[in-house]
Amino acid sequence: MARPAHSATQARLVLRDAIRSGIYPRGSQLPSTRDLAAQFGINRNTANKIYHELADDQLIELAVNRPPVVIGDGKAAPEDVFYQRVRATLQTLLMESRLIGLSSADMTRMLSDIAFEFFASYRMPRIYVAECNEIEARAYAQELTIRLETVVRPILLGQLGKVEPDDIVVTPFFHLNEVRDEIDGRTDHLIGLVVSANSADIARIATAVTTGPLGIVAVNPVAAERLRRLLGFQIDVPMMTAGVREPDELDAMRGTVECVVCTQRADNENWERIAGVPFMHVRYQTDERSIEQVRIAIQRVGQSPEFALTSDTRAVR
C-alpha cells in the first residue's frame, strides 16, 4: 500500500521533535534520503532539503556517502517539545484574531471549545514496540515513530507489566509468543511486525563472499544466529557468529574470516577486536503491510467509546 504524501514542513517537524525529545539520541543515524522520501511520500530533493535545514539548526551532521548523524541533545520531554510547536503555530492565528476584532476571552473560549470537542471524540493511544534488548527496541521505536508520525516508545520484554488495556504493543513476529506471555491478556492490541533483511544487501553479500569463513555480528547471539540462517539460504560457505558484546567470539574472527556482515543496529564498541577485516552491512526493514496494521489499530483504539471515556483519568506518562 502506497504511503500518503506529506509536506516538507510536516516531515521536518516530525524529525526535529523526535531528535529534541530523545527518540533519536545523540550519535544515532537518521534514514537515508531515499528511505526518508519513501516513508513520507516526498521526493529525494525535498528529503535532502529537510536534512540541510536540520543541519543548519545544528541538530544533525551531514557527511558524504553515509546517513545523517544526530548531534543535538534530546533533553526536552515530548510534551515540552510539542508545547513549543503549538505555541509557534498559534502565533499566526492569534495575530489574525486581533485583526478581526476577537478579544482574548473570545479566542480562549474558541480554543477551549475546539479542544474539548476533539478530546471528547478521539484520543491517541500509547504505542510500545517490544524487544529483548535496548538497542533494537530503540531502533524499532525510531523507525516506527518516523513511519507512523507519532511517538512510539521502546519497551523491553521484562517491562511489559505496565501495559494497560488500551495500549498498543507491536513486536517482531519472532518475539510474538514471548510478548503474548508477558502481557498475559492485559491488552488485546498486540501486533506482530514482519521484519525482513534488505534483498539488495543480501545479493551484494552473496556476490562478494567467495570462500569464507563469513563472520556475522549482530546485537546479540540470537539475532546473529537468525542472520546466519537467512544467509545460509544464499551463501554456501562456513560462517561464524557473535553478538557485539561477546569479546571472545569477536577475537576468534580476527585473522580467520574473509569478511564480516553486521546489522546496522549493532553498535561497534568491540569492533576494534576485528579491525582490518572488511565489513558489509545488512539493513532490516519493517514491511509496509505491518505498518498499516498498526495505523488501523491506532485509529480503532483512538475512536472507541471506551477509550474516550477512560483516557481522561489517565496520568500523563
Protein backbone atom coordinates (compact mmCIF):
# COMPACT_ATOMS: atom_id res chain seq x y z
CA MET A 1 0.00 0.00 0.00
CA ALA A 2 1.40 3.38 -1.00
CA ARG A 3 2.33 5.85 1.71
CA PRO A 4 0.35 9.11 1.82
CA ALA A 5 2.24 12.20 0.74
CA HIS A 6 3.18 14.79 3.33
CA SER A 7 4.62 18.27 3.15
CA ALA A 8 8.25 19.07 3.81
CA THR A 9 7.16 21.02 6.87
CA GLN A 10 5.36 18.00 8.37
CA ALA A 11 8.34 15.72 7.76
CA ARG A 12 10.78 18.24 9.21
CA LEU A 13 8.68 18.74 12.35
CA VAL A 14 8.41 15.00 12.98
CA LEU A 15 12.17 14.57 12.68
CA ARG A 16 13.01 17.67 14.71
CA ASP A 17 10.68 16.69 17.55
CA ALA A 18 11.97 13.12 17.53
CA ILE A 19 15.52 14.45 18.00
CA ARG A 20 14.65 17.03 20.65
CA SER A 21 12.59 14.59 22.71
CA GLY A 22 15.36 11.94 22.67
CA ILE A 23 13.71 9.36 20.42
CA TYR A 24 16.74 9.85 18.18
CA PRO A 25 19.60 10.25 20.71
CA ARG A 26 22.96 11.87 20.01
CA GLY A 27 25.07 9.63 17.76
CA SER A 28 22.18 7.75 16.14
CA GLN A 29 21.67 7.66 12.38
CA LEU A 30 18.63 9.01 10.55
CA PRO A 31 17.17 7.28 7.48
CA SER A 32 18.87 7.87 4.16
CA THR A 33 17.31 10.49 1.89
CA ARG A 34 15.90 7.66 -0.23
CA ASP A 35 14.30 5.98 2.80
CA LEU A 36 13.03 9.28 4.20
CA ALA A 37 11.43 10.15 0.87
CA ALA A 38 9.73 6.75 0.69
CA GLN A 39 8.46 6.95 4.28
CA PHE A 40 6.90 10.41 3.89
CA GLY A 41 5.84 10.24 0.24
CA ILE A 42 8.10 13.13 -0.73
CA ASN A 43 10.83 13.35 -3.37
CA ARG A 44 14.53 12.94 -2.59
CA ASN A 45 15.32 16.60 -3.27
CA THR A 46 12.80 17.57 -0.59
CA ALA A 47 14.27 14.99 1.80
CA ASN A 48 17.74 16.38 1.15
CA LYS A 49 16.49 19.92 1.82
CA ILE A 50 14.97 18.81 5.14
CA TYR A 51 18.28 17.33 6.27
CA HIS A 52 20.16 20.50 5.34
CA GLU A 53 17.65 22.55 7.38
CA LEU A 54 18.15 20.25 10.38
CA ALA A 55 21.91 20.60 9.92
CA ASP A 56 21.52 24.40 9.88
CA ASP A 57 19.69 24.03 13.22
CA GLN A 58 22.75 22.07 14.48
CA LEU A 59 20.62 19.00 15.18
CA ILE A 60 22.35 16.67 12.71
CA GLU A 61 25.68 16.33 10.93
CA LEU A 62 25.83 15.60 7.22
CA ALA A 63 28.58 13.57 5.60
CA VAL A 64 29.24 12.13 2.16
CA ASN A 65 28.10 8.55 1.47
CA ARG A 66 26.51 7.88 4.88
CA PRO A 67 23.23 8.73 6.60
CA PRO A 68 22.95 11.88 8.73
CA VAL A 69 24.08 11.55 12.36
CA VAL A 70 22.28 13.23 15.26
CA ILE A 71 24.47 15.73 17.13
CA GLY A 72 21.75 17.56 19.08
CA ASP A 73 20.90 16.51 22.63
CA GLY A 74 17.35 15.31 23.26
CA LYS A 75 16.78 16.70 26.74
CA ALA A 76 13.24 18.04 26.47
CA ALA A 77 10.23 15.90 27.32
CA PRO A 78 7.94 15.16 24.33
CA GLU A 79 5.23 17.32 25.95
CA ASP A 80 7.63 20.30 26.16
CA VAL A 81 8.70 19.89 22.54
CA PHE A 82 5.08 19.75 21.45
CA TYR A 83 4.21 22.82 23.54
CA GLN A 84 6.79 24.86 21.66
CA ARG A 85 5.36 23.73 18.32
CA VAL A 86 1.79 24.59 19.41
CA ARG A 87 2.94 27.98 20.61
CA ALA A 88 4.63 28.75 17.28
CA THR A 89 1.62 27.51 15.30
CA LEU A 90 -0.86 29.59 17.31
CA GLN A 91 1.07 32.84 16.87
CA THR A 92 -0.33 33.33 13.37
CA LEU A 93 -3.90 32.53 14.41
CA LEU A 94 -3.71 34.80 17.43
CA MET A 95 -2.48 37.67 15.29
CA GLU A 96 -5.35 37.08 12.86
CA SER A 97 -7.85 37.03 15.73
CA ARG A 98 -6.78 40.53 16.74
CA LEU A 99 -7.13 41.77 13.17
CA ILE A 100 -10.76 40.62 13.01
CA GLY A 101 -11.57 42.05 16.43
CA LEU A 102 -11.73 38.96 18.65
CA SER A 103 -10.96 39.56 22.31
CA SER A 104 -8.66 37.42 24.42
CA ALA A 105 -11.71 35.89 26.11
CA ASP A 106 -13.31 35.09 22.72
CA MET A 107 -10.19 33.36 21.46
CA THR A 108 -9.65 31.46 24.71
CA ARG A 109 -13.24 30.22 24.66
CA MET A 110 -12.98 29.20 21.00
CA LEU A 111 -9.76 27.24 21.55
CA SER A 112 -11.21 25.59 24.65
CA ASP A 113 -14.35 24.51 22.78
CA ILE A 114 -12.36 23.08 19.87
CA ALA A 115 -10.01 21.18 22.20
CA PHE A 116 -12.88 19.82 24.30
CA GLU A 117 -14.77 18.65 21.22
CA PHE A 118 -11.70 16.89 19.83
CA PHE A 119 -10.64 15.15 23.04
CA ALA A 120 -14.21 14.05 23.72
CA SER A 121 -14.25 12.13 20.45
CA TYR A 122 -10.68 10.99 19.80
CA ARG A 123 -7.58 10.10 21.77
CA MET A 124 -4.23 8.77 20.64
CA PRO A 125 -3.35 5.52 22.42
CA ARG A 126 0.13 4.79 23.72
CA ILE A 127 2.17 2.63 21.38
CA TYR A 128 5.03 0.41 22.54
CA VAL A 129 7.48 -1.64 20.50
CA ALA A 130 8.75 -4.61 22.48
CA GLU A 131 12.17 -6.19 22.05
CA CYS A 132 14.57 -8.29 24.10
CA ASN A 133 17.34 -5.67 24.14
CA GLU A 134 17.54 -1.90 24.38
CA ILE A 135 19.48 -1.35 21.14
CA GLU A 136 16.89 -2.99 18.88
CA ALA A 137 13.93 -1.67 20.92
CA ARG A 138 15.17 1.88 20.39
CA ALA A 139 15.93 1.24 16.70
CA TYR A 140 12.41 -0.07 16.03
CA ALA A 141 10.92 2.83 18.01
CA GLN A 142 12.87 5.31 15.87
CA GLU A 143 11.74 3.68 12.63
CA LEU A 144 8.08 3.43 13.67
CA THR A 145 7.99 6.97 15.06
CA ILE A 146 9.00 8.25 11.64
CA ARG A 147 6.74 5.99 9.60
CA LEU A 148 3.67 6.36 11.82
CA GLU A 149 4.29 10.06 12.55
CA THR A 150 3.50 9.57 16.22
CA VAL A 151 5.62 8.72 19.24
CA VAL A 152 6.36 5.01 19.62
CA ARG A 153 8.03 4.09 22.91
CA PRO A 154 10.64 1.32 23.21
CA ILE A 155 9.94 -1.28 25.89
CA LEU A 156 11.82 -4.42 26.97
CA LEU A 157 10.11 -7.77 27.40
CA GLY A 158 10.55 -7.63 31.17
CA GLN A 159 8.82 -4.23 31.36
CA LEU A 160 5.54 -5.26 29.76
CA GLY A 161 3.85 -5.48 33.15
CA LYS A 162 2.99 -1.76 32.91
CA VAL A 163 0.95 -2.20 29.71
CA GLU A 164 -2.71 -1.15 30.07
CA PRO A 165 -5.85 -2.36 28.21
CA ASP A 166 -5.94 0.48 25.65
CA ASP A 167 -2.21 0.40 24.86
CA ILE A 168 -0.96 -0.94 21.54
CA VAL A 169 2.05 -3.26 21.63
CA VAL A 170 3.96 -4.19 18.48
CA THR A 171 6.85 -6.61 18.21
CA PRO A 172 8.68 -8.60 15.51
CA PHE A 173 6.99 -11.96 14.88
CA PHE A 174 9.91 -13.91 16.33
CA HIS A 175 9.11 -12.36 19.75
CA LEU A 176 5.32 -12.59 19.44
CA ASN A 177 4.80 -15.60 21.71
CA GLU A 178 7.15 -14.21 24.37
CA VAL A 179 5.36 -10.86 24.35
CA ARG A 180 1.95 -12.52 24.50
CA ASP A 181 3.04 -14.47 27.57
CA GLU A 182 4.45 -11.35 29.26
CA ILE A 183 1.33 -9.26 28.55
CA ASP A 184 -0.89 -12.06 29.90
CA GLY A 185 -4.10 -10.64 28.47
CA ARG A 186 -3.68 -7.07 29.75
CA THR A 187 -4.33 -5.71 26.24
CA ASP A 188 -5.88 -7.21 23.13
CA HIS A 189 -3.97 -4.79 20.91
CA LEU A 190 -0.89 -6.88 20.09
CA ILE A 191 0.50 -6.71 16.55
CA GLY A 192 3.31 -8.74 15.01
CA LEU A 193 5.70 -6.98 12.64
CA VAL A 194 7.06 -8.64 9.51
CA VAL A 195 10.74 -7.64 9.52
CA SER A 196 13.00 -8.65 6.65
CA ALA A 197 16.56 -8.10 5.50
CA ASN A 198 17.06 -5.85 2.51
CA SER A 199 17.21 -8.10 -0.57
CA ALA A 200 19.78 -5.89 -2.35
CA ASP A 201 22.12 -6.18 0.65
CA ILE A 202 21.77 -9.98 0.66
CA ALA A 203 22.51 -10.14 -3.08
CA ARG A 204 25.58 -7.91 -2.66
CA ILE A 205 26.95 -10.09 0.13
CA ALA A 206 26.31 -13.32 -1.80
CA THR A 207 28.25 -11.91 -4.76
CA ALA A 208 31.18 -10.62 -2.70
CA VAL A 209 31.85 -13.65 -0.49
CA THR A 210 33.93 -16.39 -2.14
CA THR A 211 35.47 -18.96 0.22
CA GLY A 212 34.63 -17.81 3.72
CA PRO A 213 34.51 -18.14 6.61
CA LEU A 214 31.96 -15.36 6.84
CA GLY A 215 31.71 -13.53 10.17
CA ILE A 216 28.25 -12.43 11.30
CA VAL A 217 27.88 -9.79 14.03
CA ALA A 218 24.53 -8.64 15.41
CA VAL A 219 23.13 -7.01 18.53
CA ASN A 220 23.02 -10.34 20.38
CA PRO A 221 23.81 -14.01 19.67
CA VAL A 222 20.17 -14.85 18.87
CA ALA A 223 19.98 -12.10 16.23
CA ALA A 224 23.32 -13.23 14.80
CA GLU A 225 22.03 -16.81 14.51
CA ARG A 226 18.86 -15.62 12.73
CA LEU A 227 21.01 -13.75 10.22
CA ARG A 228 23.25 -16.81 9.78
CA ARG A 229 20.25 -18.98 8.90
CA LEU A 230 19.00 -16.36 6.46
CA LEU A 231 22.36 -16.02 4.70
CA GLY A 232 22.72 -19.79 4.66
CA PHE A 233 19.98 -19.99 2.01
CA GLN A 234 22.06 -17.81 -0.31
CA ILE A 235 25.73 -18.42 0.55
CA ASP A 236 27.35 -21.84 0.90
CA VAL A 237 30.46 -21.00 2.96
CA PRO A 238 31.44 -21.61 6.61
CA MET A 239 30.11 -18.95 9.00
CA MET A 240 31.00 -17.68 12.47
CA THR A 241 28.61 -15.66 14.63
CA ALA A 242 28.99 -13.22 17.51
CA GLY A 243 27.00 -10.65 19.44
CA VAL A 244 28.51 -7.20 19.80
CA ARG A 245 29.20 -7.84 23.49
CA GLU A 246 30.91 -11.22 23.03
CA PRO A 247 34.64 -10.31 23.01
CA ASP A 248 35.90 -13.89 22.82
CA GLU A 249 33.81 -14.67 19.74
CA LEU A 250 34.89 -11.41 18.11
CA ASP A 251 38.55 -12.20 18.87
CA ALA A 252 38.12 -15.58 17.17
CA MET A 253 37.08 -13.87 13.94
CA ARG A 254 40.23 -11.78 13.64
CA GLY A 255 42.57 -13.24 11.05
CA THR A 256 40.08 -16.02 10.29
CA VAL A 257 37.07 -14.64 8.44
CA GLU A 258 37.04 -13.37 4.87
CA CYS A 259 34.74 -10.50 5.80
CA VAL A 260 32.18 -9.56 8.45
CA VAL A 261 28.48 -8.97 7.89
CA CYS A 262 26.81 -6.87 10.56
CA THR A 263 23.40 -5.38 11.11
CA GLN A 264 23.16 -1.60 11.11
CA ARG A 265 21.58 -1.82 14.56
CA ALA A 266 24.71 -3.36 16.04
CA ASP A 267 26.92 -0.84 17.81
CA ASN A 268 30.69 -1.00 17.28
CA GLU A 269 32.06 -0.80 20.82
CA ASN A 270 34.06 -4.01 20.38
CA TRP A 271 34.77 -3.89 16.66
CA GLU A 272 38.39 -2.94 17.24
CA ARG A 273 38.83 -6.62 18.12
CA ILE A 274 38.40 -7.45 14.43
CA ALA A 275 39.99 -4.31 13.00
CA GLY A 276 41.19 -4.61 9.42
CA VAL A 277 38.50 -7.11 8.39
CA PRO A 278 36.24 -5.88 5.55
CA PHE A 279 32.72 -5.03 6.75
CA MET A 280 29.41 -5.29 4.93
CA HIS A 281 26.04 -4.21 6.30
CA VAL A 282 22.56 -5.73 6.19
CA ARG A 283 19.66 -3.33 6.64
CA TYR A 284 16.45 -4.59 8.20
CA GLN A 285 13.11 -3.02 7.36
CA THR A 286 9.53 -3.42 8.55
CA ASP A 287 7.04 -4.47 5.90
CA GLU A 288 4.59 -1.70 4.97
CA ARG A 289 1.62 -4.03 5.48
CA SER A 290 2.64 -4.45 9.11
CA ILE A 291 2.88 -0.68 9.48
CA GLU A 292 -0.60 -0.33 8.03
CA GLN A 293 -1.97 -2.77 10.63
CA VAL A 294 -0.59 -0.52 13.36
CA ARG A 295 -2.21 2.53 11.74
CA ILE A 296 -5.56 0.74 11.69
CA ALA A 297 -5.16 -0.24 15.35
CA ILE A 298 -4.37 3.37 16.32
CA GLN A 299 -7.49 4.61 14.58
CA ARG A 300 -9.68 1.84 16.00
CA VAL A 301 -8.48 2.24 19.59
CA GLY A 302 -8.43 6.04 19.47
CA GLN A 303 -12.02 6.24 18.25
CA SER A 304 -13.51 3.61 20.54
CA PRO A 305 -16.03 4.96 23.09
CA GLU A 306 -14.33 3.04 25.91
CA PHE A 307 -11.01 4.70 25.18
CA ALA A 308 -12.55 8.19 25.01
CA LEU A 309 -14.31 7.64 28.35
CA THR A 310 -11.35 6.24 30.27
CA SER A 311 -8.44 8.28 28.89
CA ASP A 312 -9.35 11.48 30.78
CA THR A 313 -8.48 9.77 34.06
CA ARG A 314 -5.06 8.54 32.92
CA ALA A 315 -1.99 10.36 34.15
CA VAL A 316 0.35 11.80 31.55
CA ARG A 317 3.30 9.42 31.24
